[in-house]
Amino acid sequence: MLEGLDGIIQQIYTNMTGTDSAREQAYKLSREVVRSASATIKHCHRGENEQAHALLAETGRLTAEMIESVSSTPALRHTGFVIDSEKEYAEAAITLAAILGGAVPGPDELGIDATAWINGLSEVVGEMRRHVLDLIRAGAARDAEAYLALMEDIYYHTMSFDFPNAVTAGLRNRTDAARGAIERTRGDLTLALQQAELATRLDELKARE
């Protein structure tokens, strides 16, 4: 009764089979991107600069391969796991630029979605908090002040994106979390600086005796 129905069904089935195959490949690659980005940041915090740069390059390669795997299926390009892994890549790249020095790589340079990039930038605040605490433990609280200032700068930039979550992919929630991290870091750093100042004064008093 429906002439041509079998052909239409077969075509849709073929298309969905291709989409499913692309999704499986992209999902596998996205997990590799996340693992590589995480390892990149870990080596950066440890001061293992050569390993960090090598892993960042690998993360970029994996991200490009993932994006290419969904290039022929637009419905997958902006799915959650693809954007999330791009965000992790951005976070790793910006963290390295902040700690090891260098210009901030933008979304075009990284070859990723701009929404993923701005969310990755927001999450760099957490990595800067970790770096500040590492500096405090190393007795370099004064050096940590610049990173607290960077955390605040990132926060003020990201909070200006006053759009619905459907547009920003949850940026508001990440910005709120960043604000809390900044407040805690400011308290930790203030205490560390006060203790360092007290220790300096005690040393001066002892030297006068």
C-alpha atoms as a PDB file:
ATOM      1  CA  MET A   1       0.000   0.000   0.000  1.00  0.00           C
ATOM      2  CA  LEU A   2       2.946   2.367   0.609  1.00  0.00           C
ATOM      3  CA  GLU A   3       4.997   2.283  -2.541  1.00  0.00           C
ATOM      4  CA  GLY A   4       8.705   2.798  -1.940  1.00  0.00           C
ATOM      5  CA  LEU A   5       8.490   2.234   1.837  1.00  0.00           C
ATOM      6  CA  ASP A   6      11.122  -0.510   1.879  1.00  0.00           C
ATOM      7  CA  GLY A   7      13.647   1.693   0.101  1.00  0.00           C
ATOM      8  CA  ILE A   8      13.090   4.603   2.494  1.00  0.00           C
ATOM      9  CA  ILE A   9      13.447   2.371   5.544  1.00  0.00           C
ATOM     10  CA  GLN A  10      16.624   0.833   4.163  1.00  0.00           C
ATOM     11  CA  GLN A  11      18.132   4.261   3.515  1.00  0.00           C
ATOM     12  CA  ILE A  12      17.316   5.489   7.032  1.00  0.00           C
ATOM     13  CA  TYR A  13      18.723   2.282   8.521  1.00  0.00           C
ATOM     14  CA  THR A  14      21.927   2.689   6.542  1.00  0.00           C
ATOM     15  CA  ASN A  15      22.290   6.306   7.670  1.00  0.00           C
ATOM     16  CA  MET A  16      21.706   5.417  11.310  1.00  0.00           C
ATOM     17  CA  THR A  17      24.192   2.582  11.091  1.00  0.00           C
ATOM     18  CA  GLY A  18      26.809   5.057   9.897  1.00  0.00           C
ATOM     19  CA  THR A  19      25.891   7.510  12.649  1.00  0.00           C
ATOM     20  CA  ASP A  20      26.128   4.802  15.286  1.00  0.00           C
ATOM     21  CA  SER A  21      29.523   3.703  14.012  1.00  0.00           C
ATOM     22  CA  ALA A  22      30.780   7.303  14.045  1.00  0.00           C
ATOM     23  CA  ARG A  23      29.446   7.767  17.568  1.00  0.00           C
ATOM     24  CA  GLU A  24      31.237   4.679  18.860  1.00  0.00           C
ATOM     25  CA  GLN A  25      34.523   5.821  17.349  1.00  0.00           C
ATOM     26  CA  ALA A  26      34.134   9.378  18.643  1.00  0.00           C
ATOM     27  CA  TYR A  27      33.197   8.171  22.128  1.00  0.00           C
ATOM     28  CA  LYS A  28      36.277   5.972  22.339  1.00  0.00           C
ATOM     29  CA  LEU A  29      38.470   8.849  21.211  1.00  0.00           C
ATOM     30  CA  SER A  30      36.797  11.260  23.649  1.00  0.00           C
ATOM     31  CA  ARG A  31      37.793   9.044  26.567  1.00  0.00           C
ATOM     32  CA  GLU A  32      41.379   9.008  25.309  1.00  0.00           C
ATOM     33  CA  VAL A  33      41.309  12.813  25.044  1.00  0.00           C
ATOM     34  CA  VAL A  34      40.140  13.149  28.650  1.00  0.00           C
ATOM     35  CA  ARG A  35      42.812  10.756  29.926  1.00  0.00           C
ATOM     36  CA  SER A  36      45.541  12.504  27.958  1.00  0.00           C
ATOM     37  CA  ALA A  37      44.428  15.970  29.082  1.00  0.00           C
ATOM     38  CA  SER A  38      44.373  14.846  32.705  1.00  0.00           C
ATOM     39  CA  ALA A  39      47.881  13.402  32.421  1.00  0.00           C
ATOM     40  CA  THR A  40      49.062  16.635  30.774  1.00  0.00           C
ATOM     41  CA  ILE A  41      47.907  18.694  33.752  1.00  0.00           C
ATOM     42  CA  LYS A  42      49.379  16.207  36.229  1.00  0.00           C
ATOM     43  CA  HIS A  43      52.840  16.474  34.662  1.00  0.00           C
ATOM     44  CA  CYS A  44      52.514  20.259  34.528  1.00  0.00           C
ATOM     45  CA  HIS A  45      51.849  20.490  38.266  1.00  0.00           C
ATOM     46  CA  ARG A  46      54.803  18.199  38.910  1.00  0.00           C
ATOM     47  CA  GLY A  47      57.101  20.462  36.950  1.00  0.00           C
ATOM     48  CA  GLU A  48      57.689  17.787  34.314  1.00  0.00           C
ATOM     49  CA  ASN A  49      57.525  20.274  31.484  1.00  0.00           C
ATOM     50  CA  GLU A  50      58.794  18.123  28.632  1.00  0.00           C
ATOM     51  CA  GLN A  51      56.288  15.376  29.362  1.00  0.00           C
ATOM     52  CA  ALA A  52      53.494  17.923  29.761  1.00  0.00           C
ATOM     53  CA  HIS A  53      54.165  19.500  26.364  1.00  0.00           C
ATOM     54  CA  ALA A  54      54.421  16.095  24.681  1.00  0.00           C
ATOM     55  CA  LEU A  55      51.131  14.970  26.180  1.00  0.00           C
ATOM     56  CA  LEU A  56      49.421  18.216  25.222  1.00  0.00           C
ATOM     57  CA  ALA A  57      50.446  17.618  21.613  1.00  0.00           C
ATOM     58  CA  GLU A  58      49.037  14.085  21.842  1.00  0.00           C
ATOM     59  CA  THR A  59      45.824  15.442  23.337  1.00  0.00           C
ATOM     60  CA  GLY A  60      45.522  17.825  20.417  1.00  0.00           C
ATOM     61  CA  ARG A  61      46.046  15.016  17.931  1.00  0.00           C
ATOM     62  CA  LEU A  62      43.379  12.864  19.595  1.00  0.00           C
ATOM     63  CA  THR A  63      40.950  15.781  19.732  1.00  0.00           C
ATOM     64  CA  ALA A  64      41.385  16.495  16.029  1.00  0.00           C
ATOM     65  CA  GLU A  65      40.846  12.821  15.234  1.00  0.00           C
ATOM     66  CA  MET A  66      37.694  12.771  17.343  1.00  0.00           C
ATOM     67  CA  ILE A  67      36.273  15.857  15.629  1.00  0.00           C
ATOM     68  CA  GLU A  68      37.117  14.426  12.211  1.00  0.00           C
ATOM     69  CA  SER A  69      35.294  11.195  13.093  1.00  0.00           C
ATOM     70  CA  VAL A  70      32.003  13.115  13.460  1.00  0.00           C
ATOM     71  CA  SER A  71      32.562  15.603  10.642  1.00  0.00           C
ATOM     72  CA  SER A  72      30.106  13.827   8.362  1.00  0.00           C
ATOM     73  CA  THR A  73      27.453  13.514  11.101  1.00  0.00           C
ATOM     74  CA  PRO A  74      26.531  17.056  12.270  1.00  0.00           C
ATOM     75  CA  ALA A  75      24.114  15.665  14.864  1.00  0.00           C
ATOM     76  CA  LEU A  76      27.086  14.298  16.815  1.00  0.00           C
ATOM     77  CA  ARG A  77      29.391  17.311  16.545  1.00  0.00           C
ATOM     78  CA  HIS A  78      27.893  19.099  19.537  1.00  0.00           C
ATOM     79  CA  THR A  79      26.888  16.145  21.682  1.00  0.00           C
ATOM     80  CA  GLY A  80      27.859  16.159  25.341  1.00  0.00           C
ATOM     81  CA  PHE A  81      30.838  13.819  25.299  1.00  0.00           C
ATOM     82  CA  VAL A  82      32.438  15.578  22.312  1.00  0.00           C
ATOM     83  CA  ILE A  83      32.112  19.049  23.859  1.00  0.00           C
ATOM     84  CA  ASP A  84      33.232  17.769  27.271  1.00  0.00           C
ATOM     85  CA  SER A  85      36.428  16.281  25.896  1.00  0.00           C
ATOM     86  CA  GLU A  86      37.158  19.457  23.917  1.00  0.00           C
ATOM     87  CA  LYS A  87      36.698  21.343  27.197  1.00  0.00           C
ATOM     88  CA  GLU A  88      39.275  19.111  28.880  1.00  0.00           C
ATOM     89  CA  TYR A  89      41.743  19.803  26.064  1.00  0.00           C
ATOM     90  CA  ALA A  90      41.210  23.547  26.432  1.00  0.00           C
ATOM     91  CA  GLU A  91      41.692  23.326  30.194  1.00  0.00           C
ATOM     92  CA  ALA A  92      44.980  21.463  29.765  1.00  0.00           C
ATOM     93  CA  ALA A  93      46.291  23.869  27.112  1.00  0.00           C
ATOM     94  CA  ILE A  94      45.413  27.008  29.091  1.00  0.00           C
ATOM     95  CA  THR A  95      46.798  25.546  32.327  1.00  0.00           C
ATOM     96  CA  LEU A  96      50.151  24.912  30.647  1.00  0.00           C
ATOM     97  CA  ALA A  97      50.201  28.447  29.280  1.00  0.00           C
ATOM     98  CA  ALA A  98      49.466  29.846  32.733  1.00  0.00           C
ATOM     99  CA  ILE A  99      52.025  27.818  34.674  1.00  0.00           C
ATOM    100  CA  LEU A 100      54.791  27.306  32.125  1.00  0.00           C
ATOM    101  CA  GLY A 101      54.364  30.621  30.330  1.00  0.00           C
ATOM    102  CA  GLY A 102      53.245  31.530  26.840  1.00  0.00           C
ATOM    103  CA  ALA A 103      50.300  33.057  24.997  1.00  0.00           C
ATOM    104  CA  VAL A 104      46.839  31.709  25.701  1.00  0.00           C
ATOM    105  CA  PRO A 105      45.770  29.389  22.855  1.00  0.00           C
ATOM    106  CA  GLY A 106      42.308  30.328  21.631  1.00  0.00           C
ATOM    107  CA  PRO A 107      39.607  27.996  20.286  1.00  0.00           C
ATOM    108  CA  ASP A 108      40.666  28.533  16.670  1.00  0.00           C
ATOM    109  CA  GLU A 109      44.272  27.675  17.456  1.00  0.00           C
ATOM    110  CA  LEU A 110      43.185  24.523  19.279  1.00  0.00           C
ATOM    111  CA  GLY A 111      40.640  23.684  16.585  1.00  0.00           C
ATOM    112  CA  ILE A 112      37.760  23.296  19.032  1.00  0.00           C
ATOM    113  CA  ASP A 113      34.309  24.695  19.708  1.00  0.00           C
ATOM    114  CA  ALA A 114      34.296  28.156  21.354  1.00  0.00           C
ATOM    115  CA  THR A 115      31.713  27.101  23.940  1.00  0.00           C
ATOM    116  CA  ALA A 116      33.904  24.186  24.975  1.00  0.00           C
ATOM    117  CA  TRP A 117      36.874  26.554  25.198  1.00  0.00           C
ATOM    118  CA  ILE A 118      35.183  29.084  27.504  1.00  0.00           C
ATOM    119  CA  ASN A 119      34.051  26.263  29.789  1.00  0.00           C
ATOM    120  CA  GLY A 120      37.586  24.902  29.818  1.00  0.00           C
ATOM    121  CA  LEU A 121      38.861  28.361  30.747  1.00  0.00           C
ATOM    122  CA  SER A 122      36.464  28.468  33.684  1.00  0.00           C
ATOM    123  CA  GLU A 123      37.775  25.167  35.002  1.00  0.00           C
ATOM    124  CA  VAL A 124      41.358  26.454  34.880  1.00  0.00           C
ATOM    125  CA  VAL A 125      40.478  28.299  38.097  1.00  0.00           C
ATOM    126  CA  GLY A 126      40.534  24.963  39.918  1.00  0.00           C
ATOM    127  CA  GLU A 127      43.961  24.136  38.512  1.00  0.00           C
ATOM    128  CA  MET A 128      45.267  27.543  39.569  1.00  0.00           C
ATOM    129  CA  ARG A 129      44.002  26.901  43.097  1.00  0.00           C
ATOM    130  CA  ARG A 130      45.955  23.657  43.120  1.00  0.00           C
ATOM    131  CA  HIS A 131      49.055  25.508  41.907  1.00  0.00           C
ATOM    132  CA  VAL A 132      48.652  28.191  44.579  1.00  0.00           C
ATOM    133  CA  LEU A 133      48.478  25.535  47.294  1.00  0.00           C
ATOM    134  CA  ASP A 134      51.580  23.847  45.861  1.00  0.00           C
ATOM    135  CA  LEU A 135      53.428  27.174  46.016  1.00  0.00           C
ATOM    136  CA  ILE A 136      52.297  27.774  49.596  1.00  0.00           C
ATOM    137  CA  ARG A 137      53.572  24.344  50.630  1.00  0.00           C
ATOM    138  CA  ALA A 138      56.867  25.126  48.906  1.00  0.00           C
ATOM    139  CA  GLY A 139      57.231  28.324  50.920  1.00  0.00           C
ATOM    140  CA  ALA A 140      56.625  30.574  47.910  1.00  0.00           C
ATOM    141  CA  ALA A 141      53.403  32.275  48.999  1.00  0.00           C
ATOM    142  CA  ARG A 142      54.448  35.581  47.448  1.00  0.00           C
ATOM    143  CA  ASP A 143      54.748  33.920  44.045  1.00  0.00           C
ATOM    144  CA  ALA A 144      51.218  32.598  44.462  1.00  0.00           C
ATOM    145  CA  GLU A 145      49.657  36.068  44.506  1.00  0.00           C
ATOM    146  CA  ALA A 146      49.908  36.363  40.716  1.00  0.00           C
ATOM    147  CA  TYR A 147      47.957  33.122  40.276  1.00  0.00           C
ATOM    148  CA  LEU A 148      45.194  34.288  42.604  1.00  0.00           C
ATOM    149  CA  ALA A 149      44.961  37.427  40.469  1.00  0.00           C
ATOM    150  CA  LEU A 150      44.708  35.214  37.377  1.00  0.00           C
ATOM    151  CA  MET A 151      41.902  33.214  38.981  1.00  0.00           C
ATOM    152  CA  GLU A 152      39.989  36.432  39.606  1.00  0.00           C
ATOM    153  CA  ASP A 153      40.637  37.638  36.058  1.00  0.00           C
ATOM    154  CA  ILE A 154      39.276  34.409  34.591  1.00  0.00           C
ATOM    155  CA  TYR A 155      36.221  34.624  36.833  1.00  0.00           C
ATOM    156  CA  TYR A 156      35.398  38.197  35.770  1.00  0.00           C
ATOM    157  CA  HIS A 157      35.729  37.256  32.113  1.00  0.00           C
ATOM    158  CA  THR A 158      33.572  34.141  32.287  1.00  0.00           C
ATOM    159  CA  MET A 159      30.841  35.708  34.438  1.00  0.00           C
ATOM    160  CA  SER A 160      30.240  38.252  31.663  1.00  0.00           C
ATOM    161  CA  PHE A 161      28.715  35.462  29.530  1.00  0.00           C
ATOM    162  CA  ASP A 162      25.217  36.008  30.894  1.00  0.00           C
ATOM    163  CA  PHE A 163      23.386  33.580  28.634  1.00  0.00           C
ATOM    164  CA  PRO A 164      21.137  30.582  29.350  1.00  0.00           C
ATOM    165  CA  ASN A 165      22.827  27.239  30.086  1.00  0.00           C
ATOM    166  CA  ALA A 166      21.419  25.922  26.829  1.00  0.00           C
ATOM    167  CA  VAL A 167      23.702  28.398  25.044  1.00  0.00           C
ATOM    168  CA  THR A 168      26.782  28.187  27.290  1.00  0.00           C
ATOM    169  CA  ALA A 169      26.660  24.442  28.088  1.00  0.00           C
ATOM    170  CA  GLY A 170      26.549  24.956  31.858  1.00  0.00           C
ATOM    171  CA  LEU A 171      29.075  27.798  32.135  1.00  0.00           C
ATOM    172  CA  ARG A 172      27.122  29.534  34.915  1.00  0.00           C
ATOM    173  CA  ASN A 173      27.490  26.532  37.226  1.00  0.00           C
ATOM    174  CA  ARG A 174      31.229  26.387  36.563  1.00  0.00           C
ATOM    175  CA  THR A 175      31.539  30.111  37.185  1.00  0.00           C
ATOM    176  CA  ASP A 176      29.754  29.752  40.521  1.00  0.00           C
ATOM    177  CA  ALA A 177      32.161  26.961  41.473  1.00  0.00           C
ATOM    178  CA  ALA A 178      35.088  29.156  40.418  1.00  0.00           C
ATOM    179  CA  ARG A 179      33.912  31.940  42.716  1.00  0.00           C
ATOM    180  CA  GLY A 180      33.910  29.543  45.665  1.00  0.00           C
ATOM    181  CA  ALA A 181      37.402  28.309  44.785  1.00  0.00           C
ATOM    182  CA  ILE A 182      38.671  31.890  44.620  1.00  0.00           C
ATOM    183  CA  GLU A 183      37.244  32.748  48.036  1.00  0.00           C
ATOM    184  CA  ARG A 184      38.838  29.689  49.631  1.00  0.00           C
ATOM    185  CA  THR A 185      42.155  30.355  47.902  1.00  0.00           C
ATOM    186  CA  ARG A 186      42.189  33.977  49.028  1.00  0.00           C
ATOM    187  CA  GLY A 187      41.713  32.819  52.610  1.00  0.00           C
ATOM    188  CA  ASP A 188      44.453  30.187  52.346  1.00  0.00           C
ATOM    189  CA  LEU A 189      46.888  32.615  50.755  1.00  0.00           C
ATOM    190  CA  THR A 190      46.150  35.424  53.211  1.00  0.00           C
ATOM    191  CA  LEU A 191      46.876  33.098  56.122  1.00  0.00           C
ATOM    192  CA  ALA A 192      50.087  31.849  54.492  1.00  0.00           C
ATOM    193  CA  LEU A 193      51.305  35.400  53.871  1.00  0.00           C
ATOM    194  CA  GLN A 194      50.561  36.393  57.444  1.00  0.00           C
ATOM    195  CA  GLN A 195      52.467  33.396  58.741  1.00  0.00           C
ATOM    196  CA  ALA A 196      55.400  34.193  56.443  1.00  0.00           C
ATOM    197  CA  GLU A 197      55.436  37.796  57.677  1.00  0.00           C
ATOM    198  CA  LEU A 198      55.368  36.638  61.280  1.00  0.00           C
ATOM    199  CA  ALA A 199      58.238  34.233  60.652  1.00  0.00           C
ATOM    200  CA  THR A 200      60.255  37.043  59.059  1.00  0.00           C
ATOM    201  CA  ARG A 201      59.711  39.309  62.051  1.00  0.00           C
ATOM    202  CA  LEU A 202      60.684  36.574  64.485  1.00  0.00           C
ATOM    203  CA  ASP A 203      63.872  35.965  62.524  1.00  0.00           C
ATOM    204  CA  GLU A 204      64.654  39.696  62.665  1.00  0.00           C
ATOM    205  CA  LEU A 205      64.134  39.759  66.438  1.00  0.00           C
ATOM    206  CA  LYS A 206      66.406  36.765  66.891  1.00  0.00           C
ATOM    207  CA  ALA A 207      69.076  38.416  64.763  1.00  0.00           C
ATOM    208  CA  ARG A 208      69.021  41.462  67.035  1.00  0.00           C
ATOM    209  CA  GLU A 209      69.623  39.411  70.182  1.00  0.00           C
END
